[in-house]
C-alpha atoms as a PDB file:
ATOM      1  CA  UNK A   1      30.552  -6.758  88.699  1.00  0.00           C
ATOM      2  CA  UNK A   2      27.153  -5.358  87.863  1.00  0.00           C
ATOM      3  CA  UNK A   3      24.468  -4.307  90.331  1.00  0.00           C
ATOM      4  CA  UNK A   4      20.717  -4.324  89.705  1.00  0.00           C
ATOM      5  CA  UNK A   5      18.508  -1.782  91.487  1.00  0.00           C
ATOM      6  CA  UNK A   6      14.812  -2.598  91.699  1.00  0.00           C
ATOM      7  CA  UNK A   7      13.097   0.723  91.068  1.00  0.00           C
ATOM      8  CA  UNK A   8      10.189   1.872  93.186  1.00  0.00           C
ATOM      9  CA  UNK A   9       7.765   3.844  91.032  1.00  0.00           C
ATOM     10  CA  UNK A  10       4.121   4.646  90.355  1.00  0.00           C
ATOM     11  CA  UNK A  11       4.284   3.761  86.629  1.00  0.00           C
ATOM     12  CA  UNK A  12       4.731   7.451  85.841  1.00  0.00           C
ATOM     13  CA  UNK A  13       7.692   8.609  87.931  1.00  0.00           C
ATOM     14  CA  UNK A  14      10.507   7.197  90.046  1.00  0.00           C
ATOM     15  CA  UNK A  15      10.177   7.359  93.848  1.00  0.00           C
ATOM     16  CA  UNK A  16      12.922   9.119  95.769  1.00  0.00           C
ATOM     17  CA  UNK A  17      14.027   5.950  97.569  1.00  0.00           C
ATOM     18  CA  UNK A  18      15.300   4.588  94.255  1.00  0.00           C
ATOM     19  CA  UNK A  19      17.822   7.441  93.992  1.00  0.00           C
ATOM     20  CA  UNK A  20      19.375   6.575  97.362  1.00  0.00           C
ATOM     21  CA  UNK A  21      19.515   2.916  96.370  1.00  0.00           C
ATOM     22  CA  UNK A  22      21.366   3.793  93.154  1.00  0.00           C
ATOM     23  CA  UNK A  23      24.014   5.561  95.264  1.00  0.00           C
ATOM     24  CA  UNK A  24      24.435   2.392  97.344  1.00  0.00           C
ATOM     25  CA  UNK A  25      24.715   0.312  94.167  1.00  0.00           C
ATOM     26  CA  UNK A  26      27.418   2.592  92.775  1.00  0.00           C
ATOM     27  CA  UNK A  27      29.391   2.105  96.003  1.00  0.00           C
ATOM     28  CA  UNK A  28      29.422  -1.661  95.333  1.00  0.00           C
ATOM     29  CA  UNK A  29      31.565  -1.066  92.253  1.00  0.00           C
ATOM     30  CA  UNK A  30      30.914  -1.836  88.613  1.00  0.00           C
ATOM     31  CA  UNK A  31      27.951  -0.900  86.436  1.00  0.00           C
ATOM     32  CA  UNK A  32      24.489  -0.143  87.775  1.00  0.00           C
ATOM     33  CA  UNK A  33      21.348  -1.301  85.990  1.00  0.00           C
ATOM     34  CA  UNK A  34      17.800  -0.413  87.050  1.00  0.00           C
ATOM     35  CA  UNK A  35      14.743  -2.636  86.653  1.00  0.00           C
ATOM     36  CA  UNK A  36      11.455  -0.830  86.061  1.00  0.00           C
ATOM     37  CA  UNK A  37       8.673  -3.429  86.195  1.00  0.00           C
ATOM     38  CA  UNK A  38       5.163  -2.067  85.757  1.00  0.00           C
ATOM     39  CA  UNK A  39       2.344  -1.402  83.310  1.00  0.00           C
ATOM     40  CA  UNK A  40       2.332   1.530  80.906  1.00  0.00           C
ATOM     41  CA  UNK A  41       5.459   2.573  82.776  1.00  0.00           C
ATOM     42  CA  UNK A  42       7.392   4.064  79.883  1.00  0.00           C
ATOM     43  CA  UNK A  43       7.591   7.439  81.617  1.00  0.00           C
ATOM     44  CA  UNK A  44       9.067   5.827  84.745  1.00  0.00           C
ATOM     45  CA  UNK A  45      11.637   3.953  82.642  1.00  0.00           C
ATOM     46  CA  UNK A  46      12.588   7.182  80.869  1.00  0.00           C
ATOM     47  CA  UNK A  47      12.983   8.904  84.246  1.00  0.00           C
ATOM     48  CA  UNK A  48      15.191   6.056  85.479  1.00  0.00           C
ATOM     49  CA  UNK A  49      17.393   6.470  82.400  1.00  0.00           C
ATOM     50  CA  UNK A  50      18.077  10.066  83.456  1.00  0.00           C
ATOM     51  CA  UNK A  51      19.490   9.085  86.873  1.00  0.00           C
ATOM     52  CA  UNK A  52      23.194   9.888  87.066  1.00  0.00           C
ATOM     53  CA  UNK A  53      25.356   6.771  87.241  1.00  0.00           C
ATOM     54  CA  UNK A  54      22.851   4.358  85.722  1.00  0.00           C
ATOM     55  CA  UNK A  55      24.270   2.423  82.735  1.00  0.00           C
ATOM     56  CA  UNK A  56      21.135   0.594  81.596  1.00  0.00           C
ATOM     57  CA  UNK A  57      17.405   0.478  82.352  1.00  0.00           C
ATOM     58  CA  UNK A  58      15.533  -2.803  81.988  1.00  0.00           C
ATOM     59  CA  UNK A  59      11.838  -2.228  81.326  1.00  0.00           C
ATOM     60  CA  UNK A  60       9.328  -5.044  81.835  1.00  0.00           C
ATOM     61  CA  UNK A  61       5.797  -3.940  81.000  1.00  0.00           C
ATOM     62  CA  UNK A  62       2.677  -6.038  81.553  1.00  0.00           C
ATOM     63  CA  UNK A  63      -0.697  -5.802  83.291  1.00  0.00           C
ATOM     64  CA  UNK A  64       0.328  -8.315  85.972  1.00  0.00           C
ATOM     65  CA  UNK A  65       3.172  -5.989  86.997  1.00  0.00           C
ATOM     66  CA  UNK A  66       0.975  -2.897  87.348  1.00  0.00           C
ATOM     67  CA  UNK A  67       0.563  -2.951  91.118  1.00  0.00           C
ATOM     68  CA  UNK A  68       3.868  -4.398  92.282  1.00  0.00           C
ATOM     69  CA  UNK A  69       2.417  -7.681  93.529  1.00  0.00           C
ATOM     70  CA  UNK A  70       5.253  -9.381  95.361  1.00  0.00           C
ATOM     71  CA  UNK A  71       4.869 -12.782  93.692  1.00  0.00           C
ATOM     72  CA  UNK A  72       5.056 -11.395  90.157  1.00  0.00           C
ATOM     73  CA  UNK A  73       7.774  -8.823  90.827  1.00  0.00           C
ATOM     74  CA  UNK A  74       9.894 -11.426  92.642  1.00  0.00           C
ATOM     75  CA  UNK A  75       9.616 -13.754  89.643  1.00  0.00           C
ATOM     76  CA  UNK A  76      10.678 -10.941  87.315  1.00  0.00           C
ATOM     77  CA  UNK A  77      13.730 -10.177  89.450  1.00  0.00           C
ATOM     78  CA  UNK A  78      14.588 -13.860  89.794  1.00  0.00           C
ATOM     79  CA  UNK A  79      14.625 -14.248  86.008  1.00  0.00           C
ATOM     80  CA  UNK A  80      17.476 -11.721  85.927  1.00  0.00           C
ATOM     81  CA  UNK A  81      19.273 -12.564  89.175  1.00  0.00           C
ATOM     82  CA  UNK A  82      21.968 -14.864  87.815  1.00  0.00           C
ATOM     83  CA  UNK A  83      23.447 -12.086  85.728  1.00  0.00           C
ATOM     84  CA  UNK A  84      24.169  -9.748  88.644  1.00  0.00           C
ATOM     85  CA  UNK A  85      26.652  -9.621  91.503  1.00  0.00           C
ATOM     86  CA  UNK A  86      24.369  -7.398  93.607  1.00  0.00           C
ATOM     87  CA  UNK A  87      20.597  -6.915  93.706  1.00  0.00           C
ATOM     88  CA  UNK A  88      19.415  -3.932  95.723  1.00  0.00           C
ATOM     89  CA  UNK A  89      15.950  -2.952  96.930  1.00  0.00           C
ATOM     90  CA  UNK A  90      15.025   0.185  98.883  1.00  0.00           C
ATOM     91  CA  UNK A  91      14.183  -0.797 102.477  1.00  0.00           C
ATOM     92  CA  UNK A  92      10.617   0.448 102.040  1.00  0.00           C
ATOM     93  CA  UNK A  93       7.352  -1.419 102.535  1.00  0.00           C
ATOM     94  CA  UNK A  94       7.507  -2.546  98.906  1.00  0.00           C
ATOM     95  CA  UNK A  95      11.158  -3.541  98.978  1.00  0.00           C
ATOM     96  CA  UNK A  96      10.784  -5.448 102.237  1.00  0.00           C
ATOM     97  CA  UNK A  97       7.835  -7.307 100.725  1.00  0.00           C
ATOM     98  CA  UNK A  98       9.666  -8.514  97.626  1.00  0.00           C
ATOM     99  CA  UNK A  99      13.332  -8.922  98.602  1.00  0.00           C
ATOM    100  CA  UNK A 100      12.898 -11.880 101.011  1.00  0.00           C
ATOM    101  CA  UNK A 101      11.000 -13.810  98.340  1.00  0.00           C
ATOM    102  CA  UNK A 102      13.781 -13.281  95.829  1.00  0.00           C
ATOM    103  CA  UNK A 103      16.466 -14.208  98.366  1.00  0.00           C
ATOM    104  CA  UNK A 104      14.665 -17.385  99.379  1.00  0.00           C
ATOM    105  CA  UNK A 105      13.997 -18.492  95.797  1.00  0.00           C
ATOM    106  CA  UNK A 106      17.595 -17.724  94.805  1.00  0.00           C
ATOM    107  CA  UNK A 107      18.851 -19.523  97.942  1.00  0.00           C
ATOM    108  CA  UNK A 108      21.017 -16.610  99.099  1.00  0.00           C
ATOM    109  CA  UNK A 109      21.171 -14.666 102.351  1.00  0.00           C
ATOM    110  CA  UNK A 110      19.503 -11.271 102.538  1.00  0.00           C
ATOM    111  CA  UNK A 111      21.348  -8.340 104.087  1.00  0.00           C
ATOM    112  CA  UNK A 112      18.693  -6.005 105.470  1.00  0.00           C
ATOM    113  CA  UNK A 113      18.767  -2.257 106.119  1.00  0.00           C
ATOM    114  CA  UNK A 114      22.296  -1.731 104.805  1.00  0.00           C
ATOM    115  CA  UNK A 115      23.563   1.718 105.800  1.00  0.00           C
ATOM    116  CA  UNK A 116      27.120   1.578 104.425  1.00  0.00           C
ATOM    117  CA  UNK A 117      29.009  -0.277 101.708  1.00  0.00           C
ATOM    118  CA  UNK A 118      32.535  -1.052 102.886  1.00  0.00           C
ATOM    119  CA  UNK A 119      33.501  -3.216  99.912  1.00  0.00           C
ATOM    120  CA  UNK A 120      31.788  -5.350  97.294  1.00  0.00           C
ATOM    121  CA  UNK A 121      31.086  -8.102  99.829  1.00  0.00           C
ATOM    122  CA  UNK A 122      31.148  -6.252 103.178  1.00  0.00           C
ATOM    123  CA  UNK A 123      28.425  -3.986 104.539  1.00  0.00           C
ATOM    124  CA  UNK A 124      27.213  -2.261 107.687  1.00  0.00           C
ATOM    125  CA  UNK A 125      23.703  -2.553 109.068  1.00  0.00           C
ATOM    126  CA  UNK A 126      22.089  -1.527 112.371  1.00  0.00           C
ATOM    127  CA  UNK A 127      20.995  -4.094 114.943  1.00  0.00           C
ATOM    128  CA  UNK A 128      19.312  -3.825 118.360  1.00  0.00           C
ATOM    129  CA  UNK A 129      17.150  -0.890 117.232  1.00  0.00           C
ATOM    130  CA  UNK A 130      20.219   0.945 115.981  1.00  0.00           C
ATOM    131  CA  UNK A 131      22.161   0.710 119.244  1.00  0.00           C
ATOM    132  CA  UNK A 132      24.861  -1.361 117.555  1.00  0.00           C
ATOM    133  CA  UNK A 133      26.203  -1.499 114.024  1.00  0.00           C
ATOM    134  CA  UNK A 134      27.060  -4.918 112.611  1.00  0.00           C
ATOM    135  CA  UNK A 135      29.667  -5.382 109.908  1.00  0.00           C
ATOM    136  CA  UNK A 136      28.583  -8.315 107.759  1.00  0.00           C
ATOM    137  CA  UNK A 137      30.324 -10.115 104.922  1.00  0.00           C
ATOM    138  CA  UNK A 138      28.491 -12.155 102.318  1.00  0.00           C
ATOM    139  CA  UNK A 139      29.999 -15.109 100.497  1.00  0.00           C
ATOM    140  CA  UNK A 140      27.039 -15.537  98.161  1.00  0.00           C
ATOM    141  CA  UNK A 141      27.615 -15.158  94.429  1.00  0.00           C
ATOM    142  CA  UNK A 142      24.722 -12.692  94.349  1.00  0.00           C
ATOM    143  CA  UNK A 143      24.498 -10.212  97.215  1.00  0.00           C
ATOM    144  CA  UNK A 144      20.848  -9.461  98.058  1.00  0.00           C
ATOM    145  CA  UNK A 145      20.454  -6.129  99.882  1.00  0.00           C
ATOM    146  CA  UNK A 146      17.746  -3.870 101.174  1.00  0.00           C
ATOM    147  CA  UNK A 147      19.094  -0.331 101.544  1.00  0.00           C
ATOM    148  CA  UNK A 148      18.155   2.033 104.349  1.00  0.00           C
ATOM    149  CA  UNK A 149      17.726   5.174 102.298  1.00  0.00           C
ATOM    150  CA  UNK A 150      18.724   7.548 105.102  1.00  0.00           C
ATOM    151  CA  UNK A 151      22.227   6.044 104.976  1.00  0.00           C
ATOM    152  CA  UNK A 152      22.943   7.214 101.416  1.00  0.00           C
ATOM    153  CA  UNK A 153      22.645  10.498  99.555  1.00  0.00           C
ATOM    154  CA  UNK A 154      20.214  10.555  96.659  1.00  0.00           C
ATOM    155  CA  UNK A 155      21.777  10.178  93.224  1.00  0.00           C
ATOM    156  CA  UNK A 156      21.047  13.130  90.904  1.00  0.00           C
ATOM    157  CA  UNK A 157      17.754  12.510  89.113  1.00  0.00           C
ATOM    158  CA  UNK A 158      19.092  14.082  85.932  1.00  0.00           C
ATOM    159  CA  UNK A 159      22.319  14.041  84.014  1.00  0.00           C
ATOM    160  CA  UNK A 160      22.280  10.388  83.003  1.00  0.00           C
ATOM    161  CA  UNK A 161      21.637   8.966  79.545  1.00  0.00           C
ATOM    162  CA  UNK A 162      21.165   5.237  80.011  1.00  0.00           C
ATOM    163  CA  UNK A 163      19.761   3.004  77.298  1.00  0.00           C
ATOM    164  CA  UNK A 164      16.332   1.502  77.932  1.00  0.00           C
ATOM    165  CA  UNK A 165      16.025  -2.186  77.074  1.00  0.00           C
ATOM    166  CA  UNK A 166      12.623  -3.883  76.850  1.00  0.00           C
ATOM    167  CA  UNK A 167      12.262  -7.196  78.659  1.00  0.00           C
ATOM    168  CA  UNK A 168       9.752  -9.977  78.293  1.00  0.00           C
ATOM    169  CA  UNK A 169       7.473  -9.911  81.336  1.00  0.00           C
ATOM    170  CA  UNK A 170       7.040 -13.044  83.428  1.00  0.00           C
ATOM    171  CA  UNK A 171       3.664 -14.761  83.442  1.00  0.00           C
ATOM    172  CA  UNK A 172       1.121 -13.945  86.138  1.00  0.00           C
ATOM    173  CA  UNK A 173       1.669 -16.263  89.095  1.00  0.00           C
ATOM    174  CA  UNK A 174      -2.053 -16.303  89.855  1.00  0.00           C
ATOM    175  CA  UNK A 175      -1.239 -16.466  93.573  1.00  0.00           C
ATOM    176  CA  UNK A 176      -2.527 -13.017  94.442  1.00  0.00           C
ATOM    177  CA  UNK A 177      -4.696 -10.270  93.008  1.00  0.00           C
ATOM    178  CA  UNK A 178      -4.765  -6.548  93.625  1.00  0.00           C
ATOM    179  CA  UNK A 179      -7.743  -5.484  95.721  1.00  0.00           C
ATOM    180  CA  UNK A 180      -7.621  -1.775  96.413  1.00  0.00           C
ATOM    181  CA  UNK A 181      -5.347   1.015  97.530  1.00  0.00           C
ATOM    182  CA  UNK A 182      -6.145   3.798  99.969  1.00  0.00           C
ATOM    183  CA  UNK A 183      -3.903   6.775  99.393  1.00  0.00           C
ATOM    184  CA  UNK A 184      -3.624   9.328 102.165  1.00  0.00           C
ATOM    185  CA  UNK A 185      -3.770  12.784 100.627  1.00  0.00           C
ATOM    186  CA  UNK A 186      -1.445  15.280 102.259  1.00  0.00           C
ATOM    187  CA  UNK A 187      -0.475  18.788 101.221  1.00  0.00           C
ATOM    188  CA  UNK A 188       2.668  18.542 103.327  1.00  0.00           C
ATOM    189  CA  UNK A 189       5.996  17.017 102.262  1.00  0.00           C
ATOM    190  CA  UNK A 190       6.157  13.210 102.355  1.00  0.00           C
ATOM    191  CA  UNK A 191       7.564  12.186 105.732  1.00  0.00           C
ATOM    192  CA  UNK A 192      10.633  10.241 104.585  1.00  0.00           C
ATOM    193  CA  UNK A 193      11.593  12.960 102.079  1.00  0.00           C
ATOM    194  CA  UNK A 194      10.898  16.021 104.256  1.00  0.00           C
ATOM    195  CA  UNK A 195      13.785  18.318 105.198  1.00  0.00           C
ATOM    196  CA  UNK A 196      11.978  19.470 108.359  1.00  0.00           C
ATOM    197  CA  UNK A 197       9.734  17.345 110.578  1.00  0.00           C
ATOM    198  CA  UNK A 198       7.655  18.382 113.576  1.00  0.00           C
ATOM    199  CA  UNK A 199       6.645  15.377 115.688  1.00  0.00           C
ATOM    200  CA  UNK A 200       4.353  14.985 118.673  1.00  0.00           C
ATOM    201  CA  UNK A 201       4.109  12.352 121.368  1.00  0.00           C
ATOM    202  CA  UNK A 202       1.697  11.014 123.951  1.00  0.00           C
ATOM    203  CA  UNK A 203       1.947  14.290 125.891  1.00  0.00           C
ATOM    204  CA  UNK A 204      -0.145  16.000 123.200  1.00  0.00           C
ATOM    205  CA  UNK A 205      -3.191  14.544 124.968  1.00  0.00           C
ATOM    206  CA  UNK A 206      -5.638  14.394 122.046  1.00  0.00           C
ATOM    207  CA  UNK A 207      -5.938  14.657 118.298  1.00  0.00           C
ATOM    208  CA  UNK A 208      -7.440  18.127 118.648  1.00  0.00           C
ATOM    209  CA  UNK A 209      -4.503  19.371 120.725  1.00  0.00           C
ATOM    210  CA  UNK A 210      -2.029  17.642 118.412  1.00  0.00           C
ATOM    211  CA  UNK A 211      -3.368  19.511 115.392  1.00  0.00           C
ATOM    212  CA  UNK A 212      -4.015  22.775 117.238  1.00  0.00           C
ATOM    213  CA  UNK A 213      -0.509  23.065 118.668  1.00  0.00           C
ATOM    214  CA  UNK A 214       1.734  21.474 116.035  1.00  0.00           C
ATOM    215  CA  UNK A 215       0.035  22.452 112.765  1.00  0.00           C
ATOM    216  CA  UNK A 216       0.883  26.189 113.047  1.00  0.00           C
ATOM    217  CA  UNK A 217       4.549  25.356 113.693  1.00  0.00           C
ATOM    218  CA  UNK A 218       4.673  22.938 110.750  1.00  0.00           C
ATOM    219  CA  UNK A 219       2.985  25.541 108.539  1.00  0.00           C
ATOM    220  CA  UNK A 220       5.545  28.185 109.506  1.00  0.00           C
ATOM    221  CA  UNK A 221       8.460  25.874 108.752  1.00  0.00           C
ATOM    222  CA  UNK A 222       7.003  24.109 105.709  1.00  0.00           C
ATOM    223  CA  UNK A 223       7.476  20.880 107.633  1.00  0.00           C
ATOM    224  CA  UNK A 224       5.988  17.401 107.580  1.00  0.00           C
ATOM    225  CA  UNK A 225       4.131  16.191 110.661  1.00  0.00           C
ATOM    226  CA  UNK A 226       5.268  13.062 112.487  1.00  0.00           C
ATOM    227  CA  UNK A 227       4.291  11.209 115.642  1.00  0.00           C
ATOM    228  CA  UNK A 228       5.579   8.671 118.117  1.00  0.00           C
ATOM    229  CA  UNK A 229       4.026   5.224 118.244  1.00  0.00           C
ATOM    230  CA  UNK A 230       2.327   6.109 121.543  1.00  0.00           C
ATOM    231  CA  UNK A 231       0.613   9.075 119.888  1.00  0.00           C
ATOM    232  CA  UNK A 232      -0.482   6.966 116.921  1.00  0.00           C
ATOM    233  CA  UNK A 233      -1.756   4.141 119.139  1.00  0.00           C
ATOM    234  CA  UNK A 234      -3.740   6.687 121.156  1.00  0.00           C
ATOM    235  CA  UNK A 235      -5.389   7.965 117.973  1.00  0.00           C
ATOM    236  CA  UNK A 236      -3.781  11.410 118.063  1.00  0.00           C
ATOM    237  CA  UNK A 237      -2.217  10.975 114.599  1.00  0.00           C
ATOM    238  CA  UNK A 238      -2.659   8.654 111.578  1.00  0.00           C
ATOM    239  CA  UNK A 239      -0.517   5.546 111.137  1.00  0.00           C
ATOM    240  CA  UNK A 240       1.454   6.945 108.211  1.00  0.00           C
ATOM    241  CA  UNK A 241       2.851   9.686 110.456  1.00  0.00           C
ATOM    242  CA  UNK A 242       4.568   7.218 112.785  1.00  0.00           C
ATOM    243  CA  UNK A 243       8.329   7.645 113.133  1.00  0.00           C
ATOM    244  CA  UNK A 244      10.366   4.859 114.702  1.00  0.00           C
ATOM    245  CA  UNK A 245      11.536   1.296 114.493  1.00  0.00           C
ATOM    246  CA  UNK A 246       8.064   0.053 113.544  1.00  0.00           C
ATOM    247  CA  UNK A 247       7.219   3.212 111.591  1.00  0.00           C
ATOM    248  CA  UNK A 248       9.230   5.312 109.179  1.00  0.00           C
ATOM    249  CA  UNK A 249      12.967   5.892 109.343  1.00  0.00           C
ATOM    250  CA  UNK A 250      13.727   9.570 108.749  1.00  0.00           C
ATOM    251  CA  UNK A 251      16.812  11.773 108.644  1.00  0.00           C
ATOM    252  CA  UNK A 252      15.708  15.350 107.951  1.00  0.00           C
ATOM    253  CA  UNK A 253      17.822  18.473 108.288  1.00  0.00           C
ATOM    254  CA  UNK A 254      15.736  19.471 111.329  1.00  0.00           C
ATOM    255  CA  UNK A 255      13.641  17.261 113.624  1.00  0.00           C
ATOM    256  CA  UNK A 256      11.538  18.925 116.315  1.00  0.00           C
ATOM    257  CA  UNK A 257      10.233  16.496 118.961  1.00  0.00           C
ATOM    258  CA  UNK A 258       7.383  17.887 121.062  1.00  0.00           C
ATOM    259  CA  UNK A 259       6.274  15.927 124.106  1.00  0.00           C
ATOM    260  CA  UNK A 260       8.164  12.814 122.999  1.00  0.00           C
ATOM    261  CA  UNK A 261       9.948  10.992 125.812  1.00  0.00           C
ATOM    262  CA  UNK A 262      12.458   9.304 123.511  1.00  0.00           C
ATOM    263  CA  UNK A 263      11.776   5.576 123.797  1.00  0.00           C
ATOM    264  CA  UNK A 264      14.457   3.515 122.081  1.00  0.00           C
ATOM    265  CA  UNK A 265      12.016   2.480 119.341  1.00  0.00           C
ATOM    266  CA  UNK A 266      11.390   6.121 118.438  1.00  0.00           C
ATOM    267  CA  UNK A 267      15.051   7.104 118.582  1.00  0.00           C
ATOM    268  CA  UNK A 268      15.854   4.303 116.114  1.00  0.00           C
ATOM    269  CA  UNK A 269      13.731   6.095 113.539  1.00  0.00           C
ATOM    270  CA  UNK A 270      15.069   9.646 113.826  1.00  0.00           C
ATOM    271  CA  UNK A 271      18.432   9.827 115.564  1.00  0.00           C
ATOM    272  CA  UNK A 272      20.281  10.305 112.251  1.00  0.00           C
ATOM    273  CA  UNK A 273      18.541  13.672 111.802  1.00  0.00           C
ATOM    274  CA  UNK A 274      21.062  16.464 111.227  1.00  0.00           C
ATOM    275  CA  UNK A 275      19.702  18.724 114.004  1.00  0.00           C
ATOM    276  CA  UNK A 276      17.349  17.484 116.747  1.00  0.00           C
ATOM    277  CA  UNK A 277      15.350  19.880 118.905  1.00  0.00           C
ATOM    278  CA  UNK A 278      13.461  18.472 121.908  1.00  0.00           C
ATOM    279  CA  UNK A 279      10.715  20.221 123.874  1.00  0.00           C
ATOM    280  CA  UNK A 280       9.690  18.329 127.005  1.00  0.00           C
ATOM    281  CA  UNK A 281       8.876  19.309 130.583  1.00  0.00           C
ATOM    282  CA  UNK A 282      10.534  16.150 131.929  1.00  0.00           C
ATOM    283  CA  UNK A 283      14.207  16.955 132.428  1.00  0.00           C
ATOM    284  CA  UNK A 284      15.015  13.228 132.599  1.00  0.00           C
ATOM    285  CA  UNK A 285      13.398  12.371 129.246  1.00  0.00           C
ATOM    286  CA  UNK A 286      15.768  10.208 127.131  1.00  0.00           C
ATOM    287  CA  UNK A 287      15.117  12.412 124.085  1.00  0.00           C
ATOM    288  CA  UNK A 288      17.454  15.007 125.593  1.00  0.00           C
ATOM    289  CA  UNK A 289      20.367  12.564 125.317  1.00  0.00           C
ATOM    290  CA  UNK A 290      20.252  12.730 121.506  1.00  0.00           C
ATOM    291  CA  UNK A 291      18.989  16.303 121.106  1.00  0.00           C
ATOM    292  CA  UNK A 292      21.283  19.020 119.809  1.00  0.00           C
ATOM    293  CA  UNK A 293      19.021  21.601 121.463  1.00  0.00           C
ATOM    294  CA  UNK A 294      16.743  20.847 124.402  1.00  0.00           C
ATOM    295  CA  UNK A 295      14.051  23.007 125.944  1.00  0.00           C
ATOM    296  CA  UNK A 296      12.686  21.929 129.324  1.00  0.00           C
ATOM    297  CA  UNK A 297       9.254  23.520 129.148  1.00  0.00           C
ATOM    298  CA  UNK A 298       5.534  22.904 128.817  1.00  0.00           C
ATOM    299  CA  UNK A 299       5.052  22.367 125.085  1.00  0.00           C
ATOM    300  CA  UNK A 300       1.559  23.908 125.198  1.00  0.00           C
ATOM    301  CA  UNK A 301       3.214  27.226 126.102  1.00  0.00           C
ATOM    302  CA  UNK A 302       6.555  26.859 124.379  1.00  0.00           C
ATOM    303  CA  UNK A 303       5.347  25.846 120.903  1.00  0.00           C
ATOM    304  CA  UNK A 304       2.899  28.760 120.479  1.00  0.00           C
ATOM    305  CA  UNK A 305       5.644  31.120 121.673  1.00  0.00           C
ATOM    306  CA  UNK A 306       7.997  29.626 119.109  1.00  0.00           C
ATOM    307  CA  UNK A 307       5.387  30.050 116.373  1.00  0.00           C
ATOM    308  CA  UNK A 308       4.852  33.713 117.295  1.00  0.00           C
ATOM    309  CA  UNK A 309       8.596  34.330 117.233  1.00  0.00           C
ATOM    310  CA  UNK A 310       9.074  32.845 113.762  1.00  0.00           C
END
């Protein structure tokens, strides 16, 4: 058995989600190969070769692969699919965009958001917003997975010495073109990779209050800022800060929820955090049911007091 991990990268370096996906691939048994498809992506391929546990890196380099267009990347993966028992994508926006196309074209079932590998053909994945865990078994010759990165430790980014093999790139499908990319600049840690996250909810009341109250705490802790969907919808925080079922799935060492009631959609995105601290003046708020530490208090008083005590 050999597993193929589809690397997520920026043509210069490998994204962290790839490391977690390599760990999942190793759990499937057999060798692990990594596909780096991009343009002028030699540095990313070299970085992939350093990942511990990787036996081979396949490097496809062409202009039509520069921006990860789903049609072209899916065709590149499909050209290799028959040689692998498992094909794994990170369950990120990019992975979720490409994996279903590959599964459909290969005529195999996709197993989404896998959080545990039980055996080579049996996996666990959450359903009902994480309130139940399904054990699923695939009879397909090629198992097509998207991997929830919070379910697996990251493989060491160094220590490996895999060979890099150049591949012929597939032709441009011509079905889509890259328009533009807006990159949110942030001096804080990236949300899904942060070890500490401070999140705010609808109770923050406004964007000004959100920033005024939570920014000092995040600065003290070196934390990323997050938000509930209600806070994002109200315009208190940008979309890329949203934590939850329809936002980002996170599992930091410490998650501090300020003024977040704990709707099931939000809990689905953060309940695997190692330590959860909730600050809410509503004693009946569902967030307290998953919190390791709960403080029933007005966040506008409690958070500044916490900042001053740190």
